[in-house]
Amino acid sequence: YKDPVTKSMPWYANLKLTDIEIPIASYIKITGNNKSFPSWKTAKEG
């Protein structure tokens, strides 16, 4: 299977260089945060 397709959510800011400001958008390309297996929680005695 492939990884679930997710919509990219950019981070917007202004890249400030002295008195110049350039609007930019930052996207996360590589991350090391691995999602853990979902826990199975069961109710006891209903």
ModelCIF file with pLDDT and N, C-alpha, C, O atoms, coordinates in Angstrom:
data_MODEL
#
_entry.id   MODEL 
#
_entity.id                         1 
_entity.type                       polymer 
_entity.pdbx_number_of_molecules   1 
#
_entity_poly.entity_id                      1 
_entity_poly.type                           'polypeptide(L)' 
_entity_poly.nstd_linkage                   no 
_entity_poly.nstd_monomer                   no 
_entity_poly.pdbx_seq_one_letter_code       YKDPVTKSMPWYANLKLTDIEIPIASYIKITGNNKSFPSWKTAKEG 
_entity_poly.pdbx_seq_one_letter_code_can   YKDPVTKSMPWYANLKLTDIEIPIASYIKITGNNKSFPSWKTAKEG 
_entity_poly.pdbx_strand_id                 A 
#
loop_
_entity_poly_seq.entity_id 
_entity_poly_seq.num 
_entity_poly_seq.mon_id 
_entity_poly_seq.hetero 
1 1  TYR n 
1 2  LYS n 
1 3  ASP n 
1 4  PRO n 
1 5  VAL n 
1 6  THR n 
1 7  LYS n 
1 8  SER n 
1 9  MET n 
1 10 PRO n 
1 11 TRP n 
1 12 TYR n 
1 13 ALA n 
1 14 ASN n 
1 15 LEU n 
1 16 LYS n 
1 17 LEU n 
1 18 THR n 
1 19 ASP n 
1 20 ILE n 
1 21 GLU n 
1 22 ILE n 
1 23 PRO n 
1 24 ILE n 
1 25 ALA n 
1 26 SER n 
1 27 TYR n 
1 28 ILE n 
1 29 LYS n 
1 30 ILE n 
1 31 THR n 
1 32 GLY n 
1 33 ASN n 
1 34 ASN n 
1 35 LYS n 
1 36 SER n 
1 37 PHE n 
1 38 PRO n 
1 39 SER n 
1 40 TRP n 
1 41 LYS n 
1 42 THR n 
1 43 ALA n 
1 44 LYS n 
1 45 GLU n 
1 46 GLY n 
#
_struct_asym.id          A 
_struct_asym.entity_id   1 
#
loop_
_ma_qa_metric.id 
_ma_qa_metric.mode 
_ma_qa_metric.name 
_ma_qa_metric.software_group_id 
_ma_qa_metric.type 
1 global pLDDT . pLDDT 
2 local  pLDDT . pLDDT 
#
_ma_qa_metric_global.metric_id      1 
_ma_qa_metric_global.metric_value   75.74 
_ma_qa_metric_global.model_id       1 
_ma_qa_metric_global.ordinal_id     1 
#
loop_
_ma_qa_metric_local.label_asym_id 
_ma_qa_metric_local.label_comp_id 
_ma_qa_metric_local.label_seq_id 
_ma_qa_metric_local.metric_id 
_ma_qa_metric_local.metric_value 
_ma_qa_metric_local.model_id 
_ma_qa_metric_local.ordinal_id 
A TYR 1  2 68.00 1 1  
A LYS 2  2 66.00 1 2  
A ASP 3  2 64.00 1 3  
A PRO 4  2 64.00 1 4  
A VAL 5  2 65.00 1 5  
A THR 6  2 70.00 1 6  
A LYS 7  2 75.00 1 7  
A SER 8  2 78.00 1 8  
A MET 9  2 87.00 1 9  
A PRO 10 2 92.00 1 10 
A TRP 11 2 94.00 1 11 
A TYR 12 2 95.00 1 12 
A ALA 13 2 94.00 1 13 
A ASN 14 2 95.00 1 14 
A LEU 15 2 95.00 1 15 
A LYS 16 2 95.00 1 16 
A LEU 17 2 92.00 1 17 
A THR 18 2 89.00 1 18 
A ASP 19 2 89.00 1 19 
A ILE 20 2 92.00 1 20 
A GLU 21 2 94.00 1 21 
A ILE 22 2 95.00 1 22 
A PRO 23 2 95.00 1 23 
A ILE 24 2 95.00 1 24 
A ALA 25 2 95.00 1 25 
A SER 26 2 94.00 1 26 
A TYR 27 2 92.00 1 27 
A ILE 28 2 88.00 1 28 
A LYS 29 2 82.00 1 29 
A ILE 30 2 70.00 1 30 
A THR 31 2 66.00 1 31 
A GLY 32 2 64.00 1 32 
A ASN 33 2 58.00 1 33 
A ASN 34 2 53.00 1 34 
A LYS 35 2 57.00 1 35 
A SER 36 2 58.00 1 36 
A PHE 37 2 57.00 1 37 
A PRO 38 2 59.00 1 38 
A SER 39 2 62.00 1 39 
A TRP 40 2 59.00 1 40 
A LYS 41 2 59.00 1 41 
A THR 42 2 57.00 1 42 
A ALA 43 2 52.00 1 43 
A LYS 44 2 53.00 1 44 
A GLU 45 2 54.00 1 45 
A GLY 46 2 57.00 1 46 
#
loop_
_atom_site.group_PDB 
_atom_site.id 
_atom_site.type_symbol 
_atom_site.label_atom_id 
_atom_site.label_alt_id 
_atom_site.label_comp_id 
_atom_site.label_asym_id 
_atom_site.label_entity_id 
_atom_site.label_seq_id 
_atom_site.pdbx_PDB_ins_code 
_atom_site.Cartn_x 
_atom_site.Cartn_y 
_atom_site.Cartn_z 
_atom_site.occupancy 
_atom_site.B_iso_or_equiv 
_atom_site.pdbx_formal_charge 
_atom_site.auth_seq_id 
_atom_site.auth_comp_id 
_atom_site.auth_asym_id 
_atom_site.auth_atom_id 
_atom_site.pdbx_PDB_model_num 
ATOM 1   N N  . TYR A 1 1  ? 0.835   -1.188 0.000  1.00 68.00 ? 1  TYR A N  1 
ATOM 2   C CA . TYR A 1 1  ? 0.000   0.000  0.000  1.00 68.00 ? 1  TYR A CA 1 
ATOM 3   C C  . TYR A 1 1  ? 0.878   1.249  0.000  1.00 68.00 ? 1  TYR A C  1 
ATOM 4   O O  . TYR A 1 1  ? 2.040   1.213  0.405  1.00 68.00 ? 1  TYR A O  1 
ATOM 5   N N  . LYS A 1 2  ? 0.302   2.338  -0.457 1.00 66.00 ? 2  LYS A N  1 
ATOM 6   C CA . LYS A 1 2  ? 0.999   3.614  -0.418 1.00 66.00 ? 2  LYS A CA 1 
ATOM 7   C C  . LYS A 1 2  ? 0.608   4.366  0.854  1.00 66.00 ? 2  LYS A C  1 
ATOM 8   O O  . LYS A 1 2  ? -0.404  4.066  1.488  1.00 66.00 ? 2  LYS A O  1 
ATOM 9   N N  . ASP A 1 3  ? 1.440   5.353  1.211  1.00 64.00 ? 3  ASP A N  1 
ATOM 10  C CA . ASP A 1 3  ? 1.094   6.202  2.342  1.00 64.00 ? 3  ASP A CA 1 
ATOM 11  C C  . ASP A 1 3  ? -0.176  6.984  2.023  1.00 64.00 ? 3  ASP A C  1 
ATOM 12  O O  . ASP A 1 3  ? -0.404  7.350  0.870  1.00 64.00 ? 3  ASP A O  1 
ATOM 13  N N  . PRO A 1 4  ? -1.001  7.240  3.029  1.00 64.00 ? 4  PRO A N  1 
ATOM 14  C CA . PRO A 1 4  ? -2.220  8.019  2.781  1.00 64.00 ? 4  PRO A CA 1 
ATOM 15  C C  . PRO A 1 4  ? -1.890  9.383  2.183  1.00 64.00 ? 4  PRO A C  1 
ATOM 16  O O  . PRO A 1 4  ? -0.963  10.060 2.627  1.00 64.00 ? 4  PRO A O  1 
ATOM 17  N N  . VAL A 1 5  ? -2.652  9.774  1.179  1.00 65.00 ? 5  VAL A N  1 
ATOM 18  C CA . VAL A 1 5  ? -2.446  11.064 0.524  1.00 65.00 ? 5  VAL A CA 1 
ATOM 19  C C  . VAL A 1 5  ? -2.959  12.167 1.441  1.00 65.00 ? 5  VAL A C  1 
ATOM 20  O O  . VAL A 1 5  ? -4.112  12.135 1.871  1.00 65.00 ? 5  VAL A O  1 
ATOM 21  N N  . THR A 1 6  ? -2.120  13.125 1.734  1.00 70.00 ? 6  THR A N  1 
ATOM 22  C CA . THR A 1 6  ? -2.501  14.233 2.605  1.00 70.00 ? 6  THR A CA 1 
ATOM 23  C C  . THR A 1 6  ? -2.353  15.552 1.859  1.00 70.00 ? 6  THR A C  1 
ATOM 24  O O  . THR A 1 6  ? -1.507  15.697 0.977  1.00 70.00 ? 6  THR A O  1 
ATOM 25  N N  . LYS A 1 7  ? -3.170  16.480 2.224  1.00 75.00 ? 7  LYS A N  1 
ATOM 26  C CA . LYS A 1 7  ? -3.122  17.792 1.606  1.00 75.00 ? 7  LYS A CA 1 
ATOM 27  C C  . LYS A 1 7  ? -2.040  18.618 2.275  1.00 75.00 ? 7  LYS A C  1 
ATOM 28  O O  . LYS A 1 7  ? -1.980  18.686 3.503  1.00 75.00 ? 7  LYS A O  1 
ATOM 29  N N  . SER A 1 8  ? -1.187  19.246 1.482  1.00 78.00 ? 8  SER A N  1 
ATOM 30  C CA . SER A 1 8  ? -0.092  20.038 2.030  1.00 78.00 ? 8  SER A CA 1 
ATOM 31  C C  . SER A 1 8  ? -0.645  21.331 2.628  1.00 78.00 ? 8  SER A C  1 
ATOM 32  O O  . SER A 1 8  ? -1.463  22.018 2.017  1.00 78.00 ? 8  SER A O  1 
ATOM 33  N N  . MET A 1 9  ? -0.182  21.641 3.827  1.00 87.00 ? 9  MET A N  1 
ATOM 34  C CA . MET A 1 9  ? -0.588  22.859 4.528  1.00 87.00 ? 9  MET A CA 1 
ATOM 35  C C  . MET A 1 9  ? 0.652   23.732 4.699  1.00 87.00 ? 9  MET A C  1 
ATOM 36  O O  . MET A 1 9  ? 1.416   23.520 5.640  1.00 87.00 ? 9  MET A O  1 
ATOM 37  N N  . PRO A 1 10 ? 0.873   24.697 3.828  1.00 92.00 ? 10 PRO A N  1 
ATOM 38  C CA . PRO A 1 10 ? 2.094   25.503 3.911  1.00 92.00 ? 10 PRO A CA 1 
ATOM 39  C C  . PRO A 1 10 ? 2.055   26.467 5.089  1.00 92.00 ? 10 PRO A C  1 
ATOM 40  O O  . PRO A 1 10 ? 0.994   26.813 5.608  1.00 92.00 ? 10 PRO A O  1 
ATOM 41  N N  . TRP A 1 11 ? 3.237   26.883 5.487  1.00 94.00 ? 11 TRP A N  1 
ATOM 42  C CA . TRP A 1 11 ? 3.408   27.910 6.518  1.00 94.00 ? 11 TRP A CA 1 
ATOM 43  C C  . TRP A 1 11 ? 3.813   29.193 5.816  1.00 94.00 ? 11 TRP A C  1 
ATOM 44  O O  . TRP A 1 11 ? 4.854   29.244 5.161  1.00 94.00 ? 11 TRP A O  1 
ATOM 45  N N  . TYR A 1 12 ? 3.007   30.216 5.949  1.00 95.00 ? 12 TYR A N  1 
ATOM 46  C CA . TYR A 1 12 ? 3.247   31.477 5.252  1.00 95.00 ? 12 TYR A CA 1 
ATOM 47  C C  . TYR A 1 12 ? 3.950   32.455 6.177  1.00 95.00 ? 12 TYR A C  1 
ATOM 48  O O  . TYR A 1 12 ? 3.633   32.541 7.364  1.00 95.00 ? 12 TYR A O  1 
ATOM 49  N N  . ALA A 1 13 ? 4.908   33.191 5.627  1.00 94.00 ? 13 ALA A N  1 
ATOM 50  C CA . ALA A 1 13 ? 5.630   34.217 6.380  1.00 94.00 ? 13 ALA A CA 1 
ATOM 51  C C  . ALA A 1 13 ? 6.307   35.144 5.371  1.00 94.00 ? 13 ALA A C  1 
ATOM 52  O O  . ALA A 1 13 ? 6.225   34.931 4.162  1.00 94.00 ? 13 ALA A O  1 
ATOM 53  N N  . ASN A 1 14 ? 6.979   36.175 5.890  1.00 95.00 ? 14 ASN A N  1 
ATOM 54  C CA . ASN A 1 14 ? 7.745   37.093 5.064  1.00 95.00 ? 14 ASN A CA 1 
ATOM 55  C C  . ASN A 1 14 ? 9.226   36.908 5.359  1.00 95.00 ? 14 ASN A C  1 
ATOM 56  O O  . ASN A 1 14 ? 9.666   37.090 6.494  1.00 95.00 ? 14 ASN A O  1 
ATOM 57  N N  . LEU A 1 15 ? 9.988   36.550 4.346  1.00 95.00 ? 15 LEU A N  1 
ATOM 58  C CA . LEU A 1 15 ? 11.433  36.432 4.479  1.00 95.00 ? 15 LEU A CA 1 
ATOM 59  C C  . LEU A 1 15 ? 12.019  37.838 4.478  1.00 95.00 ? 15 LEU A C  1 
ATOM 60  O O  . LEU A 1 15 ? 12.039  38.510 3.447  1.00 95.00 ? 15 LEU A O  1 
ATOM 61  N N  . LYS A 1 16 ? 12.496  38.279 5.641  1.00 95.00 ? 16 LYS A N  1 
ATOM 62  C CA . LYS A 1 16 ? 12.960  39.652 5.797  1.00 95.00 ? 16 LYS A CA 1 
ATOM 63  C C  . LYS A 1 16 ? 14.466  39.719 5.646  1.00 95.00 ? 16 LYS A C  1 
ATOM 64  O O  . LYS A 1 16 ? 15.202  39.069 6.389  1.00 95.00 ? 16 LYS A O  1 
ATOM 65  N N  . LEU A 1 17 ? 14.923  40.504 4.683  1.00 92.00 ? 17 LEU A N  1 
ATOM 66  C CA . LEU A 1 17 ? 16.342  40.718 4.412  1.00 92.00 ? 17 LEU A CA 1 
ATOM 67  C C  . LEU A 1 17 ? 16.583  42.220 4.417  1.00 92.00 ? 17 LEU A C  1 
ATOM 68  O O  . LEU A 1 17 ? 16.251  42.915 3.457  1.00 92.00 ? 17 LEU A O  1 
ATOM 69  N N  . THR A 1 18 ? 17.166  42.715 5.513  1.00 89.00 ? 18 THR A N  1 
ATOM 70  C CA . THR A 1 18 ? 17.298  44.168 5.762  1.00 89.00 ? 18 THR A CA 1 
ATOM 71  C C  . THR A 1 18 ? 15.920  44.823 5.631  1.00 89.00 ? 18 THR A C  1 
ATOM 72  O O  . THR A 1 18 ? 15.015  44.519 6.408  1.00 89.00 ? 18 THR A O  1 
ATOM 73  N N  . ASP A 1 19 ? 15.757  45.718 4.656  1.00 89.00 ? 19 ASP A N  1 
ATOM 74  C CA . ASP A 1 19 ? 14.474  46.380 4.492  1.00 89.00 ? 19 ASP A CA 1 
ATOM 75  C C  . ASP A 1 19 ? 13.611  45.751 3.403  1.00 89.00 ? 19 ASP A C  1 
ATOM 76  O O  . ASP A 1 19 ? 12.598  46.324 3.002  1.00 89.00 ? 19 ASP A O  1 
ATOM 77  N N  . ILE A 1 20 ? 14.015  44.558 2.916  1.00 92.00 ? 20 ILE A N  1 
ATOM 78  C CA . ILE A 1 20 ? 13.255  43.851 1.876  1.00 92.00 ? 20 ILE A CA 1 
ATOM 79  C C  . ILE A 1 20 ? 12.490  42.708 2.519  1.00 92.00 ? 20 ILE A C  1 
ATOM 80  O O  . ILE A 1 20 ? 13.052  41.970 3.328  1.00 92.00 ? 20 ILE A O  1 
ATOM 81  N N  . GLU A 1 21 ? 11.229  42.551 2.176  1.00 94.00 ? 21 GLU A N  1 
ATOM 82  C CA . GLU A 1 21 ? 10.406  41.456 2.664  1.00 94.00 ? 21 GLU A CA 1 
ATOM 83  C C  . GLU A 1 21 ? 9.831   40.685 1.477  1.00 94.00 ? 21 GLU A C  1 
ATOM 84  O O  . GLU A 1 21 ? 9.175   41.257 0.606  1.00 94.00 ? 21 GLU A O  1 
ATOM 85  N N  . ILE A 1 22 ? 10.090  39.369 1.459  1.00 95.00 ? 22 ILE A N  1 
ATOM 86  C CA . ILE A 1 22 ? 9.639   38.503 0.366  1.00 95.00 ? 22 ILE A CA 1 
ATOM 87  C C  . ILE A 1 22 ? 8.630   37.515 0.935  1.00 95.00 ? 22 ILE A C  1 
ATOM 88  O O  . ILE A 1 22 ? 9.001   36.715 1.794  1.00 95.00 ? 22 ILE A O  1 
ATOM 89  N N  . PRO A 1 23 ? 7.379   37.529 0.504  1.00 95.00 ? 23 PRO A N  1 
ATOM 90  C CA . PRO A 1 23 ? 6.397   36.544 0.971  1.00 95.00 ? 23 PRO A CA 1 
ATOM 91  C C  . PRO A 1 23 ? 6.787   35.137 0.513  1.00 95.00 ? 23 PRO A C  1 
ATOM 92  O O  . PRO A 1 23 ? 7.038   34.899 -0.669 1.00 95.00 ? 23 PRO A O  1 
ATOM 93  N N  . ILE A 1 24 ? 6.831   34.212 1.475  1.00 95.00 ? 24 ILE A N  1 
ATOM 94  C CA . ILE A 1 24 ? 7.235   32.836 1.166  1.00 95.00 ? 24 ILE A CA 1 
ATOM 95  C C  . ILE A 1 24 ? 6.212   31.853 1.741  1.00 95.00 ? 24 ILE A C  1 
ATOM 96  O O  . ILE A 1 24 ? 5.396   32.198 2.595  1.00 95.00 ? 24 ILE A O  1 
ATOM 97  N N  . ALA A 1 25 ? 6.287   30.614 1.239  1.00 95.00 ? 25 ALA A N  1 
ATOM 98  C CA . ALA A 1 25 ? 5.481   29.500 1.751  1.00 95.00 ? 25 ALA A CA 1 
ATOM 99  C C  . ALA A 1 25 ? 6.421   28.336 2.006  1.00 95.00 ? 25 ALA A C  1 
ATOM 100 O O  . ALA A 1 25 ? 7.206   27.967 1.133  1.00 95.00 ? 25 ALA A O  1 
ATOM 101 N N  . SER A 1 26 ? 6.345   27.754 3.200  1.00 94.00 ? 26 SER A N  1 
ATOM 102 C CA . SER A 1 26 ? 7.232   26.658 3.588  1.00 94.00 ? 26 SER A CA 1 
ATOM 103 C C  . SER A 1 26 ? 6.434   25.368 3.678  1.00 94.00 ? 26 SER A C  1 
ATOM 104 O O  . SER A 1 26 ? 5.377   25.321 4.307  1.00 94.00 ? 26 SER A O  1 
ATOM 105 N N  . TYR A 1 27 ? 6.959   24.305 3.032  1.00 92.00 ? 27 TYR A N  1 
ATOM 106 C CA . TYR A 1 27 ? 6.308   22.995 3.017  1.00 92.00 ? 27 TYR A CA 1 
ATOM 107 C C  . TYR A 1 27 ? 7.243   21.976 3.660  1.00 92.00 ? 27 TYR A C  1 
ATOM 108 O O  . TYR A 1 27 ? 8.445   21.980 3.394  1.00 92.00 ? 27 TYR A O  1 
ATOM 109 N N  . ILE A 1 28 ? 6.695   21.104 4.506  1.00 88.00 ? 28 ILE A N  1 
ATOM 110 C CA . ILE A 1 28 ? 7.485   20.029 5.106  1.00 88.00 ? 28 ILE A CA 1 
ATOM 111 C C  . ILE A 1 28 ? 7.664   18.927 4.062  1.00 88.00 ? 28 ILE A C  1 
ATOM 112 O O  . ILE A 1 28 ? 6.682   18.354 3.591  1.00 88.00 ? 28 ILE A O  1 
ATOM 113 N N  . LYS A 1 29 ? 8.906   18.628 3.703  1.00 82.00 ? 29 LYS A N  1 
ATOM 114 C CA . LYS A 1 29 ? 9.186   17.612 2.684  1.00 82.00 ? 29 LYS A CA 1 
ATOM 115 C C  . LYS A 1 29 ? 9.560   16.281 3.310  1.00 82.00 ? 29 LYS A C  1 
ATOM 116 O O  . LYS A 1 29 ? 9.087   15.237 2.861  1.00 82.00 ? 29 LYS A O  1 
ATOM 117 N N  . ILE A 1 30 ? 10.401  16.293 4.339  1.00 70.00 ? 30 ILE A N  1 
ATOM 118 C CA . ILE A 1 30 ? 10.851  15.072 5.001  1.00 70.00 ? 30 ILE A CA 1 
ATOM 119 C C  . ILE A 1 30 ? 10.647  15.243 6.494  1.00 70.00 ? 30 ILE A C  1 
ATOM 120 O O  . ILE A 1 30 ? 11.022  16.266 7.067  1.00 70.00 ? 30 ILE A O  1 
ATOM 121 N N  . THR A 1 31 ? 10.059  14.255 7.113  1.00 66.00 ? 31 THR A N  1 
ATOM 122 C CA . THR A 1 31 ? 9.878   14.292 8.560  1.00 66.00 ? 31 THR A CA 1 
ATOM 123 C C  . THR A 1 31 ? 10.166  12.924 9.132  1.00 66.00 ? 31 THR A C  1 
ATOM 124 O O  . THR A 1 31 ? 9.918   11.909 8.481  1.00 66.00 ? 31 THR A O  1 
ATOM 125 N N  . GLY A 1 32 ? 10.686  12.889 10.342 1.00 64.00 ? 32 GLY A N  1 
ATOM 126 C CA . GLY A 1 32 ? 11.007  11.632 11.001 1.00 64.00 ? 32 GLY A CA 1 
ATOM 127 C C  . GLY A 1 32 ? 9.987   11.227 12.027 1.00 64.00 ? 32 GLY A C  1 
ATOM 128 O O  . GLY A 1 32 ? 10.214  10.282 12.783 1.00 64.00 ? 32 GLY A O  1 
ATOM 129 N N  . ASN A 1 33 ? 8.858   11.923 12.076 1.00 58.00 ? 33 ASN A N  1 
ATOM 130 C CA . ASN A 1 33 ? 7.825   11.586 13.049 1.00 58.00 ? 33 ASN A CA 1 
ATOM 131 C C  . ASN A 1 33 ? 6.974   10.462 12.501 1.00 58.00 ? 33 ASN A C  1 
ATOM 132 O O  . ASN A 1 33 ? 6.115   10.690 11.650 1.00 58.00 ? 33 ASN A O  1 
ATOM 133 N N  . ASN A 1 34 ? 7.203   9.250  12.980 1.00 53.00 ? 34 ASN A N  1 
ATOM 134 C CA . ASN A 1 34 ? 6.450   8.084  12.510 1.00 53.00 ? 34 ASN A CA 1 
ATOM 135 C C  . ASN A 1 34 ? 5.174   7.920  13.332 1.00 53.00 ? 34 ASN A C  1 
ATOM 136 O O  . ASN A 1 34 ? 5.185   8.008  14.560 1.00 53.00 ? 34 ASN A O  1 
ATOM 137 N N  . LYS A 1 35 ? 4.087   7.681  12.627 1.00 57.00 ? 35 LYS A N  1 
ATOM 138 C CA . LYS A 1 35 ? 2.812   7.471  13.302 1.00 57.00 ? 35 LYS A CA 1 
ATOM 139 C C  . LYS A 1 35 ? 2.774   6.063  13.875 1.00 57.00 ? 35 LYS A C  1 
ATOM 140 O O  . LYS A 1 35 ? 3.096   5.091  13.192 1.00 57.00 ? 35 LYS A O  1 
ATOM 141 N N  . SER A 1 36 ? 2.380   5.969  15.126 1.00 58.00 ? 36 SER A N  1 
ATOM 142 C CA . SER A 1 36 ? 2.326   4.666  15.781 1.00 58.00 ? 36 SER A CA 1 
ATOM 143 C C  . SER A 1 36 ? 1.050   3.939  15.406 1.00 58.00 ? 36 SER A C  1 
ATOM 144 O O  . SER A 1 36 ? 0.086   4.534  14.925 1.00 58.00 ? 36 SER A O  1 
ATOM 145 N N  . PHE A 1 37 ? 1.072   2.653  15.636 1.00 57.00 ? 37 PHE A N  1 
ATOM 146 C CA . PHE A 1 37 ? -0.104  1.827  15.332 1.00 57.00 ? 37 PHE A CA 1 
ATOM 147 C C  . PHE A 1 37 ? -1.248  2.244  16.251 1.00 57.00 ? 37 PHE A C  1 
ATOM 148 O O  . PHE A 1 37 ? -1.028  2.396  17.452 1.00 57.00 ? 37 PHE A O  1 
ATOM 149 N N  . PRO A 1 38 ? -2.467  2.435  15.730 1.00 59.00 ? 38 PRO A N  1 
ATOM 150 C CA . PRO A 1 38 ? -3.574  2.878  16.576 1.00 59.00 ? 38 PRO A CA 1 
ATOM 151 C C  . PRO A 1 38 ? -3.889  1.861  17.660 1.00 59.00 ? 38 PRO A C  1 
ATOM 152 O O  . PRO A 1 38 ? -3.858  0.653  17.427 1.00 59.00 ? 38 PRO A O  1 
ATOM 153 N N  . SER A 1 39 ? -4.190  2.368  18.846 1.00 62.00 ? 39 SER A N  1 
ATOM 154 C CA . SER A 1 39 ? -4.483  1.487  19.977 1.00 62.00 ? 39 SER A CA 1 
ATOM 155 C C  . SER A 1 39 ? -5.922  1.006  19.891 1.00 62.00 ? 39 SER A C  1 
ATOM 156 O O  . SER A 1 39 ? -6.818  1.733  19.463 1.00 62.00 ? 39 SER A O  1 
ATOM 157 N N  . TRP A 1 40 ? -6.123  -0.253 20.315 1.00 59.00 ? 40 TRP A N  1 
ATOM 158 C CA . TRP A 1 40 ? -7.462  -0.833 20.330 1.00 59.00 ? 40 TRP A CA 1 
ATOM 159 C C  . TRP A 1 40 ? -7.969  -0.790 21.777 1.00 59.00 ? 40 TRP A C  1 
ATOM 160 O O  . TRP A 1 40 ? -7.521  -1.568 22.619 1.00 59.00 ? 40 TRP A O  1 
ATOM 161 N N  . LYS A 1 41 ? -8.904  0.121  22.058 1.00 59.00 ? 41 LYS A N  1 
ATOM 162 C CA . LYS A 1 41 ? -9.448  0.261  23.400 1.00 59.00 ? 41 LYS A CA 1 
ATOM 163 C C  . LYS A 1 41 ? -10.796 -0.454 23.468 1.00 59.00 ? 41 LYS A C  1 
ATOM 164 O O  . LYS A 1 41 ? -11.686 -0.209 22.654 1.00 59.00 ? 41 LYS A O  1 
ATOM 165 N N  . THR A 1 42 ? -10.926 -1.318 24.430 1.00 57.00 ? 42 THR A N  1 
ATOM 166 C CA . THR A 1 42 ? -12.170 -2.066 24.599 1.00 57.00 ? 42 THR A CA 1 
ATOM 167 C C  . THR A 1 42 ? -12.816 -1.693 25.919 1.00 57.00 ? 42 THR A C  1 
ATOM 168 O O  . THR A 1 42 ? -12.131 -1.411 26.903 1.00 57.00 ? 42 THR A O  1 
ATOM 169 N N  . ALA A 1 43 ? -14.126 -1.695 25.930 1.00 52.00 ? 43 ALA A N  1 
ATOM 170 C CA . ALA A 1 43 ? -14.864 -1.394 27.153 1.00 52.00 ? 43 ALA A CA 1 
ATOM 171 C C  . ALA A 1 43 ? -14.995 -2.651 27.999 1.00 52.00 ? 43 ALA A C  1 
ATOM 172 O O  . ALA A 1 43 ? -15.135 -3.751 27.463 1.00 52.00 ? 43 ALA A O  1 
ATOM 173 N N  . LYS A 1 44 ? -14.952 -2.497 29.294 1.00 53.00 ? 44 LYS A N  1 
ATOM 174 C CA . LYS A 1 44 ? -15.066 -3.625 30.208 1.00 53.00 ? 44 LYS A CA 1 
ATOM 175 C C  . LYS A 1 44 ? -16.515 -3.723 30.714 1.00 53.00 ? 44 LYS A C  1 
ATOM 176 O O  . LYS A 1 44 ? -17.074 -2.776 31.267 1.00 53.00 ? 44 LYS A O  1 
ATOM 177 N N  . GLU A 1 45 ? -17.091 -4.906 30.500 1.00 54.00 ? 45 GLU A N  1 
ATOM 178 C CA . GLU A 1 45 ? -18.443 -5.193 30.957 1.00 54.00 ? 45 GLU A CA 1 
ATOM 179 C C  . GLU A 1 45 ? -19.449 -4.184 30.437 1.00 54.00 ? 45 GLU A C  1 
ATOM 180 O O  . GLU A 1 45 ? -20.376 -3.798 31.149 1.00 54.00 ? 45 GLU A O  1 
ATOM 181 N N  . GLY A 1 46 ? -19.268 -3.761 29.208 1.00 57.00 ? 46 GLY A N  1 
ATOM 182 C CA . GLY A 1 46 ? -20.210 -2.852 28.589 1.00 57.00 ? 46 GLY A CA 1 
ATOM 183 C C  . GLY A 1 46 ? -20.131 -1.420 29.066 1.00 57.00 ? 46 GLY A C  1 
ATOM 184 O O  . GLY A 1 46 ? -20.890 -0.571 28.599 1.00 57.00 ? 46 GLY A O  1 
#
